[in-house]
Protein backbone atom coordinates (compact mmCIF):
# COMPACT_ATOMS: atom_id res chain seq x y z
CA MET A 1 53.67 -134.55 106.94
CA ASN A 2 53.58 -130.85 107.80
CA LYS A 3 55.77 -130.06 104.80
CA GLU A 4 53.34 -131.87 102.49
CA ILE A 5 50.43 -129.90 103.91
CA GLU A 6 52.40 -126.66 103.57
CA LYS A 7 53.16 -127.50 99.92
CA LYS A 8 49.47 -128.18 99.22
CA VAL A 9 48.40 -124.98 100.97
CA THR A 10 51.05 -122.96 99.12
CA LYS A 11 50.07 -124.60 95.83
CA ASN A 12 46.38 -123.88 96.49
CA GLU A 13 47.17 -120.26 97.40
CA THR A 14 49.27 -119.88 94.25
CA ASN A 15 46.52 -121.44 92.13
CA SER A 16 43.95 -119.22 93.81
CA LYS A 17 46.01 -116.08 93.08
CA MET A 18 46.57 -117.20 89.49
CA ASN A 19 42.87 -117.96 89.08
CA LYS A 20 41.97 -114.53 90.45
CA GLU A 21 44.45 -112.83 88.10
CA ILE A 22 43.10 -114.80 85.15
CA LYS A 23 39.51 -114.02 86.14
CA ASP A 24 40.40 -110.34 86.48
CA GLU A 25 42.03 -110.34 83.03
CA ILE A 26 39.01 -112.07 81.51
CA LYS A 27 36.67 -109.62 83.22
CA GLU A 28 38.70 -106.67 81.92
CA ALA A 29 38.74 -108.11 78.40
CA LYS A 30 34.96 -108.67 78.52
CA GLU A 31 34.42 -105.12 79.79
CA THR A 32 36.61 -103.73 77.02
CA THR A 33 34.75 -105.80 74.44
CA LEU A 34 31.42 -104.74 75.91
CA GLU A 35 32.60 -101.13 75.95
CA ASN A 36 33.52 -101.38 72.27
CA LYS A 37 30.12 -102.93 71.48
CA ASN A 38 28.17 -100.37 73.50
CA ASN A 39 30.44 -97.46 72.78
CA SER A 40 29.37 -95.00 70.13
CA VAL A 41 32.97 -95.07 68.92
CA LYS A 42 32.69 -97.83 66.36
CA LYS A 43 34.09 -96.04 63.36
CA ILE A 44 37.12 -93.82 63.62
CA GLY A 45 38.18 -91.52 60.83
CA LEU A 46 41.85 -90.99 59.99
CA ALA A 47 43.37 -88.23 57.90
CA SER A 48 46.94 -87.28 57.07
CA ASP A 49 49.08 -85.49 54.60
CA HIS A 50 52.17 -87.10 53.06
CA ARG A 51 54.25 -86.44 56.19
CA GLY A 52 51.76 -88.26 58.39
CA TYR A 53 51.05 -91.11 55.98
CA HIS A 54 53.37 -93.75 57.48
CA LEU A 55 52.25 -93.11 61.05
CA LYS A 56 48.61 -93.17 59.89
CA GLN A 57 49.18 -96.67 58.47
CA LYS A 58 50.48 -97.85 61.85
CA VAL A 59 47.53 -96.23 63.64
CA THR A 60 45.12 -97.90 61.21
CA ASN A 61 46.55 -101.35 61.96
CA TYR A 62 46.57 -100.66 65.70
CA LEU A 63 42.91 -99.59 65.74
CA LYS A 64 41.79 -102.52 63.58
CA LYS A 65 43.50 -104.95 65.97
CA LYS A 66 41.54 -103.32 68.79
CA GLY A 67 38.29 -104.01 66.93
CA TYR A 68 37.53 -100.59 65.49
CA THR A 69 36.42 -99.84 61.95
CA VAL A 70 38.69 -97.27 60.33
CA ILE A 71 37.61 -94.88 57.60
CA ASP A 72 40.65 -93.43 55.80
CA TYR A 73 40.11 -89.94 54.39
CA GLY A 74 43.60 -89.72 52.83
CA ALA A 75 46.35 -89.16 51.99
CA ASP A 76 46.64 -92.33 50.00
CA SER A 77 50.42 -92.34 49.71
CA PRO A 78 53.56 -90.61 50.95
CA VAL A 79 53.60 -88.46 47.79
CA ALA A 80 53.38 -84.73 48.59
CA SER A 81 49.81 -83.64 49.33
CA ASP A 82 47.94 -80.75 50.94
CA TYR A 83 46.64 -81.39 54.47
CA PRO A 84 43.41 -79.33 54.14
CA VAL A 85 41.87 -81.82 51.71
CA PRO A 86 41.90 -84.88 54.03
CA ALA A 87 41.23 -82.64 57.06
CA PHE A 88 38.03 -81.25 55.51
CA SER A 89 36.95 -84.77 54.49
CA LEU A 90 37.49 -86.03 58.04
CA GLY A 91 35.57 -83.05 59.38
CA LYS A 92 32.65 -83.82 57.08
CA GLY A 93 32.80 -87.44 58.24
CA ILE A 94 32.48 -86.27 61.85
CA THR A 95 29.64 -83.82 61.24
CA SER A 96 27.68 -86.23 59.04
CA GLY A 97 27.95 -89.00 61.64
CA GLU A 98 29.87 -91.32 59.35
CA VAL A 99 32.50 -91.49 62.10
CA SER A 100 32.24 -90.49 65.74
CA LYS A 101 35.89 -89.70 66.40
CA GLY A 102 38.85 -88.76 64.29
CA ILE A 103 42.63 -88.71 64.26
CA ALA A 104 44.57 -86.31 62.06
CA ILE A 105 48.32 -86.39 61.37
CA CYS A 106 50.63 -84.04 59.50
CA GLY A 107 54.26 -82.99 59.84
CA SER A 108 53.68 -80.95 62.98
CA GLY A 109 50.03 -81.73 63.73
CA ILE A 110 49.32 -78.00 63.72
CA GLY A 111 48.26 -77.36 60.12
CA ILE A 112 45.90 -80.31 59.95
CA SER A 113 44.34 -79.38 63.31
CA ILE A 114 43.68 -75.84 62.06
CA ALA A 115 42.11 -77.24 58.89
CA CYS A 116 39.92 -79.69 60.85
CA ASN A 117 38.68 -76.86 63.05
CA LYS A 118 37.48 -74.97 59.97
CA VAL A 119 34.66 -77.51 59.72
CA ARG A 120 31.75 -76.40 61.89
CA GLY A 121 31.07 -78.94 64.66
CA VAL A 122 34.61 -80.29 64.75
CA ARG A 123 36.60 -79.79 67.95
CA CYS A 124 40.12 -80.83 67.06
CA ALA A 125 42.85 -80.68 69.69
CA LYS A 126 46.51 -80.87 68.75
CA VAL A 127 47.94 -83.07 71.51
CA ASN A 128 51.43 -84.11 72.56
CA ASN A 129 50.77 -86.37 75.54
CA THR A 130 48.14 -88.31 77.49
CA LYS A 131 47.43 -85.45 79.90
CA GLU A 132 46.54 -83.09 77.07
CA VAL A 133 44.32 -85.63 75.33
CA LYS A 134 42.54 -86.48 78.57
CA MET A 135 41.75 -82.82 79.24
CA ALA A 136 40.68 -82.34 75.60
CA ARG A 137 38.13 -85.13 76.03
CA LEU A 138 37.00 -84.36 79.60
CA ASP A 139 36.52 -80.61 79.27
CA ASN A 140 36.29 -79.88 75.54
CA ASP A 141 34.67 -83.05 74.16
CA ALA A 142 37.31 -83.13 71.42
CA ASN A 143 35.98 -85.27 68.59
CA VAL A 144 39.26 -85.15 66.65
CA ILE A 145 42.84 -85.22 67.87
CA ALA A 146 45.91 -84.27 65.87
CA PHE A 147 49.59 -84.93 66.32
CA SER A 148 52.89 -84.84 64.51
CA GLY A 149 53.81 -87.56 62.06
CA LYS A 150 57.21 -87.57 63.78
CA MET A 151 55.79 -88.65 67.14
CA PRO A 152 57.02 -92.09 68.30
CA PHE A 153 54.37 -94.76 67.75
CA VAL A 154 54.66 -95.98 71.36
CA ARG A 155 53.52 -92.56 72.57
CA VAL A 156 50.85 -92.35 69.88
CA LYS A 157 49.30 -95.63 71.08
CA ASP A 158 49.10 -94.32 74.65
CA ILE A 159 47.49 -91.08 73.47
CA ILE A 160 44.95 -92.96 71.35
CA ASP A 161 44.04 -95.31 74.21
CA VAL A 162 43.36 -92.37 76.54
CA TYR A 163 41.44 -90.56 73.78
CA LEU A 164 39.13 -93.50 73.17
CA LYS A 165 38.58 -94.35 76.86
CA THR A 166 37.99 -90.84 78.20
CA LYS A 167 34.43 -89.59 78.18
CA PHE A 168 33.30 -85.97 78.17
CA LYS A 169 32.43 -84.80 81.70
CA GLY A 170 29.32 -83.06 80.47
CA GLU A 171 29.36 -80.49 83.23
CA GLU A 172 27.17 -77.48 82.54
CA ARG A 173 30.05 -75.02 82.23
CA HIS A 174 31.86 -77.21 79.70
CA GLN A 175 28.68 -77.91 77.75
CA ARG A 176 27.90 -74.18 77.68
CA ARG A 177 31.34 -73.42 76.23
CA ILE A 178 31.02 -76.09 73.56
CA GLU A 179 27.62 -74.72 72.55
CA MET A 180 29.20 -71.26 72.26
CA LEU A 181 31.79 -72.69 69.89
CA ASP A 182 29.22 -74.63 67.89
CA ASN A 183 26.89 -71.63 67.57
CA TYR A 184 29.53 -69.04 66.65
CA LYS A 185 29.03 -67.39 63.27
CA ASP A 186 31.26 -64.77 61.63
């Protein structure tokens, strides 16, 4: 009789733990969905040259599966192309409000990040890991990130997730510095 009671108690405890885990997962999914609905990041712009084209296609599919709208500013194929053209288009998409965040990819991530930063109002950070992207969002309110087309997709997904989740701190000192960048004229 005691063993039957123990089995029922154990079964109830197991069910209770499973129910809690399921409820927690549902809650997290609802919060993520709500965050996507309420988040100003609804449209994300992507730009690449020919060396970033294949990774950009993977990023596009990944973001669409997560419920984001993707605006592709080129390149349209892996045929040789110049990174400034899609970088400037992405920058214009950011400054016009067509997209609220952007991702740029070229062979090294450096050239396309330089090109993006030529567009006034764009704060593009070339990032290699989640720590860098988190700091770029927290302190610098980076509205575009760039990385190498050679970066493993597993790492890219982690970087993108941190980029999209991390909000700008908005502290006065950081805001002041961003305004200095935005207001600079040659």
